[in-house]
Amino acid sequence: MTATGLRIAVADDEADMRDFLEKALPRLGHQVVAVAEDGVQLVELCRQTRPDLIITDIKMPGLDGIEAVDQICREHPVPVILVSAYHDPALIARAEADHVQAYLVKPIGLEDLPPAIAIATRRFGELMALRKECQDLKQALADRKLIEQAKGVLMKVAGIDEKEAFHRLQQLAADRNLKLVEAAQSVLAVQQAFLPRT
Protein backbone atom coordinates (compact mmCIF):
# COMPACT_ATOMS: atom_id res chain seq x y z
CA MET A 1 0.00 0.00 0.00
CA THR A 2 1.50 3.34 -1.06
CA ALA A 3 0.78 6.68 0.58
CA THR A 4 -0.72 8.18 -2.60
CA GLY A 5 -4.07 7.68 -4.30
CA LEU A 6 -5.74 6.24 -1.20
CA ARG A 7 -9.47 5.84 -0.61
CA ILE A 8 -9.93 7.58 2.75
CA ALA A 9 -12.78 7.68 5.30
CA VAL A 10 -12.92 10.70 7.61
CA ALA A 11 -14.87 11.28 10.81
CA ASP A 12 -15.24 14.35 13.03
CA ASP A 13 -18.15 15.85 14.92
CA GLU A 14 -16.99 19.35 13.88
CA ALA A 15 -18.29 20.39 10.46
CA ASP A 16 -15.31 22.66 9.73
CA MET A 17 -12.86 19.78 10.31
CA ARG A 18 -14.85 17.46 8.03
CA ASP A 19 -14.91 20.22 5.41
CA PHE A 20 -11.14 20.77 5.72
CA LEU A 21 -10.37 17.06 5.24
CA GLU A 22 -12.83 16.72 2.33
CA LYS A 23 -11.05 19.57 0.52
CA ALA A 24 -7.44 18.88 1.61
CA LEU A 25 -7.18 15.15 0.87
CA PRO A 26 -8.10 15.37 -2.87
CA ARG A 27 -5.47 18.12 -3.22
CA LEU A 28 -2.95 15.53 -1.99
CA GLY A 29 -4.09 12.98 -4.57
CA HIS A 30 -6.49 10.98 -2.39
CA GLN A 31 -10.21 10.20 -2.68
CA VAL A 32 -12.58 10.79 0.26
CA VAL A 33 -15.00 7.85 0.13
CA ALA A 34 -16.83 8.39 3.44
CA VAL A 35 -17.53 11.35 5.71
CA ALA A 36 -18.95 10.62 9.18
CA GLU A 37 -20.14 12.85 12.02
CA ASP A 38 -19.73 10.23 14.75
CA GLY A 39 -18.30 6.79 15.49
CA VAL A 40 -21.48 4.83 14.73
CA GLN A 41 -21.75 6.44 11.30
CA LEU A 42 -18.03 5.81 10.68
CA VAL A 43 -18.41 2.08 11.39
CA GLU A 44 -21.38 1.82 9.03
CA LEU A 45 -19.76 3.81 6.22
CA CYS A 46 -16.53 1.82 6.47
CA ARG A 47 -18.50 -1.42 6.14
CA GLN A 48 -19.96 -0.05 2.91
CA THR A 49 -16.84 1.54 1.40
CA ARG A 50 -13.90 -0.48 2.84
CA PRO A 51 -11.44 2.43 2.75
CA ASP A 52 -7.63 2.19 2.51
CA LEU A 53 -7.17 4.60 5.44
CA ILE A 54 -9.25 6.19 8.21
CA ILE A 55 -8.69 9.65 9.66
CA THR A 56 -10.91 10.11 12.70
CA ASP A 57 -11.40 12.41 15.64
CA ILE A 58 -11.31 10.70 19.04
CA LYS A 59 -14.00 12.49 21.04
CA MET A 60 -17.30 12.12 19.20
CA PRO A 61 -20.85 11.56 20.47
CA GLY A 62 -22.07 8.00 20.98
CA LEU A 63 -19.08 5.92 19.92
CA ASP A 64 -15.66 7.56 20.16
CA GLY A 65 -13.06 7.26 17.41
CA ILE A 66 -10.96 4.61 19.15
CA GLU A 67 -13.97 2.36 19.83
CA ALA A 68 -15.20 2.81 16.24
CA VAL A 69 -11.78 1.94 14.82
CA ASP A 70 -11.61 -1.15 17.04
CA GLN A 71 -14.91 -2.41 15.58
CA ILE A 72 -13.87 -1.62 12.00
CA CYS A 73 -10.44 -3.25 12.25
CA ARG A 74 -11.87 -6.46 13.72
CA GLU A 75 -13.74 -6.92 10.41
CA HIS A 76 -11.31 -5.25 8.00
CA PRO A 77 -7.86 -4.15 9.22
CA VAL A 78 -6.98 -0.70 7.89
CA PRO A 79 -4.40 1.99 8.80
CA VAL A 80 -5.73 4.70 11.11
CA ILE A 81 -4.77 8.28 11.93
CA LEU A 82 -6.35 9.64 15.11
CA VAL A 83 -7.03 13.35 15.43
CA SER A 84 -7.65 15.14 18.70
CA ALA A 85 -7.80 18.64 20.13
CA TYR A 86 -6.39 17.17 23.35
CA HIS A 87 -2.84 16.05 23.99
CA ASP A 88 -4.08 13.60 26.62
CA PRO A 89 -1.62 10.85 27.73
CA ALA A 90 -4.51 8.50 28.61
CA LEU A 91 -6.00 8.87 25.11
CA ILE A 92 -2.60 8.32 23.51
CA ALA A 93 -2.14 5.16 25.61
CA ARG A 94 -5.54 3.85 24.44
CA ALA A 95 -4.65 4.69 20.85
CA GLU A 96 -1.33 2.84 21.07
CA ALA A 97 -3.07 -0.23 22.49
CA ASP A 98 -5.39 -0.47 19.50
CA HIS A 99 -5.15 -0.14 15.72
CA VAL A 100 -3.70 3.36 15.39
CA GLN A 101 -0.59 4.09 13.32
CA ALA A 102 -0.42 7.91 13.64
CA TYR A 103 -1.75 10.68 15.87
CA LEU A 104 -2.35 14.35 15.04
CA VAL A 105 -3.23 17.17 17.44
CA LYS A 106 -5.55 19.96 16.23
CA PRO A 107 -5.26 22.44 14.66
CA ILE A 108 -4.13 20.53 11.59
CA GLY A 109 -2.71 22.15 8.47
CA LEU A 110 -2.42 20.73 4.96
CA GLU A 111 1.31 20.17 5.52
CA ASP A 112 0.60 17.87 8.51
CA LEU A 113 -1.29 15.29 6.45
CA PRO A 114 1.30 13.83 4.00
CA PRO A 115 3.84 12.73 6.65
CA ALA A 116 1.09 11.29 8.89
CA ILE A 117 -0.43 9.37 5.97
CA ALA A 118 2.99 8.08 4.89
CA ILE A 119 3.85 6.93 8.44
CA ALA A 120 0.44 5.31 8.98
CA THR A 121 0.52 3.34 5.72
CA ARG A 122 4.14 2.24 6.23
CA ARG A 123 3.55 1.09 9.82
CA PHE A 124 0.38 -0.71 8.76
CA GLY A 125 2.24 -2.51 5.97
CA GLU A 126 4.93 -3.59 8.43
CA LEU A 127 2.29 -4.81 10.91
CA MET A 128 0.46 -6.84 8.24
CA ALA A 129 3.76 -8.40 7.08
CA LEU A 130 4.58 -9.41 10.67
CA ARG A 131 1.11 -10.90 11.17
CA LYS A 132 1.45 -12.93 7.97
CA GLU A 133 4.90 -14.14 9.00
CA CYS A 134 3.51 -15.19 12.39
CA GLN A 135 0.60 -17.06 10.76
CA ASP A 136 2.99 -18.77 8.32
CA LEU A 137 5.22 -19.90 11.20
CA LYS A 138 2.23 -21.26 13.14
CA GLN A 139 1.07 -23.15 10.04
CA ALA A 140 4.57 -24.53 9.43
CA LEU A 141 4.73 -25.80 13.03
CA ALA A 142 1.29 -27.40 12.77
CA ASP A 143 2.27 -29.06 9.46
CA ARG A 144 5.55 -30.31 10.96
CA LYS A 145 3.64 -31.89 13.86
CA LEU A 146 1.33 -33.79 11.46
CA ILE A 147 4.29 -34.98 9.38
CA GLU A 148 6.07 -36.26 12.52
CA GLN A 149 2.90 -38.09 13.63
CA ALA A 150 2.51 -39.70 10.20
CA LYS A 151 6.16 -40.79 10.19
CA GLY A 152 5.59 -42.36 13.60
CA VAL A 153 2.60 -44.32 12.27
CA LEU A 154 4.58 -45.58 9.25
CA MET A 155 7.55 -46.56 11.44
CA LYS A 156 5.29 -48.55 13.76
CA VAL A 157 3.10 -50.21 11.12
CA ALA A 158 5.82 -50.98 8.55
CA GLY A 159 8.66 -51.57 11.03
CA ILE A 160 10.93 -49.07 9.29
CA ASP A 161 13.28 -46.33 10.51
CA GLU A 162 12.56 -42.60 10.49
CA LYS A 163 14.49 -41.90 7.29
CA GLU A 164 12.59 -44.59 5.35
CA ALA A 165 9.25 -43.44 6.81
CA PHE A 166 9.98 -39.89 5.60
CA HIS A 167 10.98 -41.23 2.16
CA ARG A 168 7.69 -43.18 1.89
CA LEU A 169 5.72 -40.11 2.91
CA GLN A 170 7.49 -38.11 0.19
CA GLN A 171 6.76 -40.87 -2.33
CA LEU A 172 3.08 -40.92 -1.36
CA ALA A 173 2.91 -37.15 -1.81
CA ALA A 174 4.60 -37.36 -5.24
CA ASP A 175 2.45 -40.28 -6.44
CA ARG A 176 -0.81 -38.56 -5.50
CA ASN A 177 0.32 -35.03 -6.38
CA LEU A 178 -0.15 -33.89 -2.77
CA LYS A 179 1.72 -31.57 -0.47
CA LEU A 180 3.76 -33.43 2.16
CA VAL A 181 1.36 -32.34 4.91
CA GLU A 182 -1.62 -33.60 2.86
CA ALA A 183 0.09 -36.98 2.49
CA ALA A 184 0.62 -36.99 6.27
CA GLN A 185 -3.07 -36.22 6.80
CA SER A 186 -3.97 -39.17 4.53
CA VAL A 187 -1.80 -41.54 6.56
CA LEU A 188 -3.32 -40.31 9.83
CA ALA A 189 -6.85 -40.59 8.40
CA VAL A 190 -6.23 -44.23 7.43
CA GLN A 191 -4.81 -44.95 10.87
CA GLN A 192 -7.88 -43.31 12.47
CA ALA A 193 -10.22 -45.44 10.31
CA PHE A 194 -8.59 -48.66 11.57
CA LEU A 195 -8.33 -47.75 15.24
CA PRO A 196 -10.55 -49.93 17.44
CA ARG A 197 -13.77 -48.15 18.32
CA THR A 198 -14.36 -47.61 22.04
C-alpha atoms as a PDB file:
ATOM      1  CA  MET A   1       0.000   0.000   0.000  1.00  0.00           C
ATOM      2  CA  THR A   2       1.501   3.336  -1.062  1.00  0.00           C
ATOM      3  CA  ALA A   3       0.775   6.678   0.577  1.00  0.00           C
ATOM      4  CA  THR A   4      -0.720   8.179  -2.599  1.00  0.00           C
ATOM      5  CA  GLY A   5      -4.071   7.685  -4.295  1.00  0.00           C
ATOM      6  CA  LEU A   6      -5.737   6.240  -1.202  1.00  0.00           C
ATOM      7  CA  ARG A   7      -9.466   5.842  -0.605  1.00  0.00           C
ATOM      8  CA  ILE A   8      -9.932   7.583   2.750  1.00  0.00           C
ATOM      9  CA  ALA A   9     -12.777   7.683   5.297  1.00  0.00           C
ATOM     10  CA  VAL A  10     -12.916  10.696   7.615  1.00  0.00           C
ATOM     11  CA  ALA A  11     -14.874  11.280  10.806  1.00  0.00           C
ATOM     12  CA  ASP A  12     -15.237  14.347  13.026  1.00  0.00           C
ATOM     13  CA  ASP A  13     -18.149  15.855  14.920  1.00  0.00           C
ATOM     14  CA  GLU A  14     -16.987  19.352  13.881  1.00  0.00           C
ATOM     15  CA  ALA A  15     -18.289  20.393  10.455  1.00  0.00           C
ATOM     16  CA  ASP A  16     -15.311  22.657   9.728  1.00  0.00           C
ATOM     17  CA  MET A  17     -12.859  19.784  10.310  1.00  0.00           C
ATOM     18  CA  ARG A  18     -14.845  17.463   8.034  1.00  0.00           C
ATOM     19  CA  ASP A  19     -14.909  20.218   5.413  1.00  0.00           C
ATOM     20  CA  PHE A  20     -11.136  20.771   5.720  1.00  0.00           C
ATOM     21  CA  LEU A  21     -10.373  17.059   5.240  1.00  0.00           C
ATOM     22  CA  GLU A  22     -12.828  16.720   2.335  1.00  0.00           C
ATOM     23  CA  LYS A  23     -11.047  19.568   0.519  1.00  0.00           C
ATOM     24  CA  ALA A  24      -7.439  18.877   1.606  1.00  0.00           C
ATOM     25  CA  LEU A  25      -7.184  15.154   0.874  1.00  0.00           C
ATOM     26  CA  PRO A  26      -8.102  15.367  -2.867  1.00  0.00           C
ATOM     27  CA  ARG A  27      -5.467  18.124  -3.221  1.00  0.00           C
ATOM     28  CA  LEU A  28      -2.947  15.532  -1.987  1.00  0.00           C
ATOM     29  CA  GLY A  29      -4.094  12.979  -4.569  1.00  0.00           C
ATOM     30  CA  HIS A  30      -6.494  10.975  -2.387  1.00  0.00           C
ATOM     31  CA  GLN A  31     -10.206  10.198  -2.676  1.00  0.00           C
ATOM     32  CA  VAL A  32     -12.576  10.790   0.257  1.00  0.00           C
ATOM     33  CA  VAL A  33     -14.997   7.850   0.129  1.00  0.00           C
ATOM     34  CA  ALA A  34     -16.829   8.387   3.438  1.00  0.00           C
ATOM     35  CA  VAL A  35     -17.528  11.350   5.707  1.00  0.00           C
ATOM     36  CA  ALA A  36     -18.953  10.620   9.175  1.00  0.00           C
ATOM     37  CA  GLU A  37     -20.141  12.854  12.016  1.00  0.00           C
ATOM     38  CA  ASP A  38     -19.728  10.229  14.754  1.00  0.00           C
ATOM     39  CA  GLY A  39     -18.302   6.794  15.492  1.00  0.00           C
ATOM     40  CA  VAL A  40     -21.476   4.833  14.733  1.00  0.00           C
ATOM     41  CA  GLN A  41     -21.749   6.436  11.301  1.00  0.00           C
ATOM     42  CA  LEU A  42     -18.031   5.811  10.681  1.00  0.00           C
ATOM     43  CA  VAL A  43     -18.411   2.081  11.388  1.00  0.00           C
ATOM     44  CA  GLU A  44     -21.385   1.820   9.028  1.00  0.00           C
ATOM     45  CA  LEU A  45     -19.757   3.815   6.218  1.00  0.00           C
ATOM     46  CA  CYS A  46     -16.525   1.820   6.469  1.00  0.00           C
ATOM     47  CA  ARG A  47     -18.499  -1.421   6.144  1.00  0.00           C
ATOM     48  CA  GLN A  48     -19.960  -0.053   2.906  1.00  0.00           C
ATOM     49  CA  THR A  49     -16.843   1.545   1.397  1.00  0.00           C
ATOM     50  CA  ARG A  50     -13.899  -0.484   2.842  1.00  0.00           C
ATOM     51  CA  PRO A  51     -11.444   2.429   2.748  1.00  0.00           C
ATOM     52  CA  ASP A  52      -7.634   2.187   2.514  1.00  0.00           C
ATOM     53  CA  LEU A  53      -7.171   4.601   5.439  1.00  0.00           C
ATOM     54  CA  ILE A  54      -9.249   6.190   8.212  1.00  0.00           C
ATOM     55  CA  ILE A  55      -8.694   9.654   9.658  1.00  0.00           C
ATOM     56  CA  THR A  56     -10.909  10.107  12.704  1.00  0.00           C
ATOM     57  CA  ASP A  57     -11.404  12.406  15.642  1.00  0.00           C
ATOM     58  CA  ILE A  58     -11.315  10.702  19.037  1.00  0.00           C
ATOM     59  CA  LYS A  59     -14.000  12.494  21.043  1.00  0.00           C
ATOM     60  CA  MET A  60     -17.304  12.120  19.205  1.00  0.00           C
ATOM     61  CA  PRO A  61     -20.852  11.556  20.465  1.00  0.00           C
ATOM     62  CA  GLY A  62     -22.066   7.996  20.979  1.00  0.00           C
ATOM     63  CA  LEU A  63     -19.076   5.920  19.917  1.00  0.00           C
ATOM     64  CA  ASP A  64     -15.660   7.560  20.159  1.00  0.00           C
ATOM     65  CA  GLY A  65     -13.057   7.259  17.410  1.00  0.00           C
ATOM     66  CA  ILE A  66     -10.959   4.615  19.147  1.00  0.00           C
ATOM     67  CA  GLU A  67     -13.972   2.360  19.826  1.00  0.00           C
ATOM     68  CA  ALA A  68     -15.199   2.813  16.242  1.00  0.00           C
ATOM     69  CA  VAL A  69     -11.781   1.942  14.817  1.00  0.00           C
ATOM     70  CA  ASP A  70     -11.607  -1.146  17.036  1.00  0.00           C
ATOM     71  CA  GLN A  71     -14.912  -2.408  15.584  1.00  0.00           C
ATOM     72  CA  ILE A  72     -13.871  -1.619  11.998  1.00  0.00           C
ATOM     73  CA  CYS A  73     -10.441  -3.252  12.252  1.00  0.00           C
ATOM     74  CA  ARG A  74     -11.871  -6.460  13.715  1.00  0.00           C
ATOM     75  CA  GLU A  75     -13.737  -6.918  10.414  1.00  0.00           C
ATOM     76  CA  HIS A  76     -11.313  -5.246   8.001  1.00  0.00           C
ATOM     77  CA  PRO A  77      -7.864  -4.153   9.223  1.00  0.00           C
ATOM     78  CA  VAL A  78      -6.978  -0.704   7.891  1.00  0.00           C
ATOM     79  CA  PRO A  79      -4.402   1.989   8.802  1.00  0.00           C
ATOM     80  CA  VAL A  80      -5.729   4.697  11.114  1.00  0.00           C
ATOM     81  CA  ILE A  81      -4.766   8.280  11.931  1.00  0.00           C
ATOM     82  CA  LEU A  82      -6.346   9.638  15.110  1.00  0.00           C
ATOM     83  CA  VAL A  83      -7.028  13.350  15.428  1.00  0.00           C
ATOM     84  CA  SER A  84      -7.652  15.139  18.703  1.00  0.00           C
ATOM     85  CA  ALA A  85      -7.805  18.640  20.134  1.00  0.00           C
ATOM     86  CA  TYR A  86      -6.389  17.167  23.351  1.00  0.00           C
ATOM     87  CA  HIS A  87      -2.841  16.055  23.988  1.00  0.00           C
ATOM     88  CA  ASP A  88      -4.084  13.603  26.616  1.00  0.00           C
ATOM     89  CA  PRO A  89      -1.623  10.853  27.728  1.00  0.00           C
ATOM     90  CA  ALA A  90      -4.515   8.501  28.606  1.00  0.00           C
ATOM     91  CA  LEU A  91      -6.002   8.870  25.111  1.00  0.00           C
ATOM     92  CA  ILE A  92      -2.596   8.316  23.510  1.00  0.00           C
ATOM     93  CA  ALA A  93      -2.136   5.161  25.612  1.00  0.00           C
ATOM     94  CA  ARG A  94      -5.537   3.850  24.437  1.00  0.00           C
ATOM     95  CA  ALA A  95      -4.645   4.690  20.852  1.00  0.00           C
ATOM     96  CA  GLU A  96      -1.327   2.842  21.074  1.00  0.00           C
ATOM     97  CA  ALA A  97      -3.072  -0.227  22.489  1.00  0.00           C
ATOM     98  CA  ASP A  98      -5.393  -0.469  19.499  1.00  0.00           C
ATOM     99  CA  HIS A  99      -5.151  -0.138  15.720  1.00  0.00           C
ATOM    100  CA  VAL A 100      -3.697   3.355  15.391  1.00  0.00           C
ATOM    101  CA  GLN A 101      -0.589   4.085  13.317  1.00  0.00           C
ATOM    102  CA  ALA A 102      -0.424   7.909  13.638  1.00  0.00           C
ATOM    103  CA  TYR A 103      -1.751  10.680  15.868  1.00  0.00           C
ATOM    104  CA  LEU A 104      -2.354  14.354  15.038  1.00  0.00           C
ATOM    105  CA  VAL A 105      -3.227  17.167  17.439  1.00  0.00           C
ATOM    106  CA  LYS A 106      -5.554  19.960  16.235  1.00  0.00           C
ATOM    107  CA  PRO A 107      -5.264  22.445  14.664  1.00  0.00           C
ATOM    108  CA  ILE A 108      -4.128  20.528  11.590  1.00  0.00           C
ATOM    109  CA  GLY A 109      -2.706  22.147   8.468  1.00  0.00           C
ATOM    110  CA  LEU A 110      -2.425  20.729   4.960  1.00  0.00           C
ATOM    111  CA  GLU A 111       1.311  20.170   5.518  1.00  0.00           C
ATOM    112  CA  ASP A 112       0.602  17.870   8.509  1.00  0.00           C
ATOM    113  CA  LEU A 113      -1.285  15.292   6.455  1.00  0.00           C
ATOM    114  CA  PRO A 114       1.301  13.828   3.999  1.00  0.00           C
ATOM    115  CA  PRO A 115       3.838  12.730   6.652  1.00  0.00           C
ATOM    116  CA  ALA A 116       1.085  11.291   8.891  1.00  0.00           C
ATOM    117  CA  ILE A 117      -0.433   9.371   5.965  1.00  0.00           C
ATOM    118  CA  ALA A 118       2.994   8.079   4.889  1.00  0.00           C
ATOM    119  CA  ILE A 119       3.850   6.935   8.442  1.00  0.00           C
ATOM    120  CA  ALA A 120       0.436   5.312   8.975  1.00  0.00           C
ATOM    121  CA  THR A 121       0.525   3.343   5.720  1.00  0.00           C
ATOM    122  CA  ARG A 122       4.140   2.240   6.225  1.00  0.00           C
ATOM    123  CA  ARG A 123       3.546   1.095   9.822  1.00  0.00           C
ATOM    124  CA  PHE A 124       0.377  -0.706   8.762  1.00  0.00           C
ATOM    125  CA  GLY A 125       2.239  -2.508   5.966  1.00  0.00           C
ATOM    126  CA  GLU A 126       4.935  -3.591   8.433  1.00  0.00           C
ATOM    127  CA  LEU A 127       2.292  -4.814  10.910  1.00  0.00           C
ATOM    128  CA  MET A 128       0.464  -6.840   8.239  1.00  0.00           C
ATOM    129  CA  ALA A 129       3.756  -8.396   7.084  1.00  0.00           C
ATOM    130  CA  LEU A 130       4.583  -9.409  10.675  1.00  0.00           C
ATOM    131  CA  ARG A 131       1.112 -10.903  11.174  1.00  0.00           C
ATOM    132  CA  LYS A 132       1.447 -12.934   7.970  1.00  0.00           C
ATOM    133  CA  GLU A 133       4.900 -14.138   9.004  1.00  0.00           C
ATOM    134  CA  CYS A 134       3.514 -15.194  12.389  1.00  0.00           C
ATOM    135  CA  GLN A 135       0.600 -17.058  10.757  1.00  0.00           C
ATOM    136  CA  ASP A 136       2.991 -18.773   8.316  1.00  0.00           C
ATOM    137  CA  LEU A 137       5.216 -19.898  11.203  1.00  0.00           C
ATOM    138  CA  LYS A 138       2.235 -21.263  13.140  1.00  0.00           C
ATOM    139  CA  GLN A 139       1.071 -23.150  10.043  1.00  0.00           C
ATOM    140  CA  ALA A 140       4.572 -24.535   9.435  1.00  0.00           C
ATOM    141  CA  LEU A 141       4.732 -25.799  13.033  1.00  0.00           C
ATOM    142  CA  ALA A 142       1.288 -27.396  12.768  1.00  0.00           C
ATOM    143  CA  ASP A 143       2.271 -29.061   9.464  1.00  0.00           C
ATOM    144  CA  ARG A 144       5.553 -30.313  10.964  1.00  0.00           C
ATOM    145  CA  LYS A 145       3.644 -31.889  13.860  1.00  0.00           C
ATOM    146  CA  LEU A 146       1.335 -33.794  11.464  1.00  0.00           C
ATOM    147  CA  ILE A 147       4.294 -34.985   9.381  1.00  0.00           C
ATOM    148  CA  GLU A 148       6.070 -36.256  12.515  1.00  0.00           C
ATOM    149  CA  GLN A 149       2.904 -38.086  13.632  1.00  0.00           C
ATOM    150  CA  ALA A 150       2.506 -39.699  10.196  1.00  0.00           C
ATOM    151  CA  LYS A 151       6.161 -40.785  10.189  1.00  0.00           C
ATOM    152  CA  GLY A 152       5.591 -42.359  13.603  1.00  0.00           C
ATOM    153  CA  VAL A 153       2.603 -44.321  12.270  1.00  0.00           C
ATOM    154  CA  LEU A 154       4.576 -45.577   9.253  1.00  0.00           C
ATOM    155  CA  MET A 155       7.548 -46.564  11.436  1.00  0.00           C
ATOM    156  CA  LYS A 156       5.287 -48.547  13.761  1.00  0.00           C
ATOM    157  CA  VAL A 157       3.099 -50.206  11.122  1.00  0.00           C
ATOM    158  CA  ALA A 158       5.821 -50.981   8.551  1.00  0.00           C
ATOM    159  CA  GLY A 159       8.660 -51.573  11.025  1.00  0.00           C
ATOM    160  CA  ILE A 160      10.934 -49.067   9.294  1.00  0.00           C
ATOM    161  CA  ASP A 161      13.282 -46.330  10.505  1.00  0.00           C
ATOM    162  CA  GLU A 162      12.555 -42.600  10.489  1.00  0.00           C
ATOM    163  CA  LYS A 163      14.490 -41.905   7.286  1.00  0.00           C
ATOM    164  CA  GLU A 164      12.593 -44.590   5.352  1.00  0.00           C
ATOM    165  CA  ALA A 165       9.251 -43.437   6.814  1.00  0.00           C
ATOM    166  CA  PHE A 166       9.982 -39.892   5.601  1.00  0.00           C
ATOM    167  CA  HIS A 167      10.981 -41.231   2.159  1.00  0.00           C
ATOM    168  CA  ARG A 168       7.694 -43.178   1.890  1.00  0.00           C
ATOM    169  CA  LEU A 169       5.717 -40.114   2.909  1.00  0.00           C
ATOM    170  CA  GLN A 170       7.494 -38.112   0.190  1.00  0.00           C
ATOM    171  CA  GLN A 171       6.765 -40.874  -2.327  1.00  0.00           C
ATOM    172  CA  LEU A 172       3.076 -40.925  -1.361  1.00  0.00           C
ATOM    173  CA  ALA A 173       2.913 -37.152  -1.810  1.00  0.00           C
ATOM    174  CA  ALA A 174       4.604 -37.359  -5.237  1.00  0.00           C
ATOM    175  CA  ASP A 175       2.450 -40.277  -6.445  1.00  0.00           C
ATOM    176  CA  ARG A 176      -0.813 -38.564  -5.503  1.00  0.00           C
ATOM    177  CA  ASN A 177       0.323 -35.032  -6.383  1.00  0.00           C
ATOM    178  CA  LEU A 178      -0.153 -33.894  -2.767  1.00  0.00           C
ATOM    179  CA  LYS A 179       1.720 -31.573  -0.468  1.00  0.00           C
ATOM    180  CA  LEU A 180       3.756 -33.430   2.155  1.00  0.00           C
ATOM    181  CA  VAL A 181       1.359 -32.342   4.910  1.00  0.00           C
ATOM    182  CA  GLU A 182      -1.624 -33.602   2.864  1.00  0.00           C
ATOM    183  CA  ALA A 183       0.090 -36.981   2.494  1.00  0.00           C
ATOM    184  CA  ALA A 184       0.616 -36.990   6.270  1.00  0.00           C
ATOM    185  CA  GLN A 185      -3.075 -36.221   6.799  1.00  0.00           C
ATOM    186  CA  SER A 186      -3.971 -39.173   4.534  1.00  0.00           C
ATOM    187  CA  VAL A 187      -1.797 -41.542   6.565  1.00  0.00           C
ATOM    188  CA  LEU A 188      -3.322 -40.309   9.828  1.00  0.00           C
ATOM    189  CA  ALA A 189      -6.852 -40.586   8.403  1.00  0.00           C
ATOM    190  CA  VAL A 190      -6.229 -44.234   7.428  1.00  0.00           C
ATOM    191  CA  GLN A 191      -4.814 -44.948  10.872  1.00  0.00           C
ATOM    192  CA  GLN A 192      -7.884 -43.311  12.469  1.00  0.00           C
ATOM    193  CA  ALA A 193     -10.217 -45.444  10.314  1.00  0.00           C
ATOM    194  CA  PHE A 194      -8.589 -48.657  11.570  1.00  0.00           C
ATOM    195  CA  LEU A 195      -8.325 -47.747  15.245  1.00  0.00           C
ATOM    196  CA  PRO A 196     -10.550 -49.929  17.439  1.00  0.00           C
ATOM    197  CA  ARG A 197     -13.774 -48.153  18.323  1.00  0.00           C
ATOM    198  CA  THR A 198     -14.365 -47.608  22.042  1.00  0.00           C
END
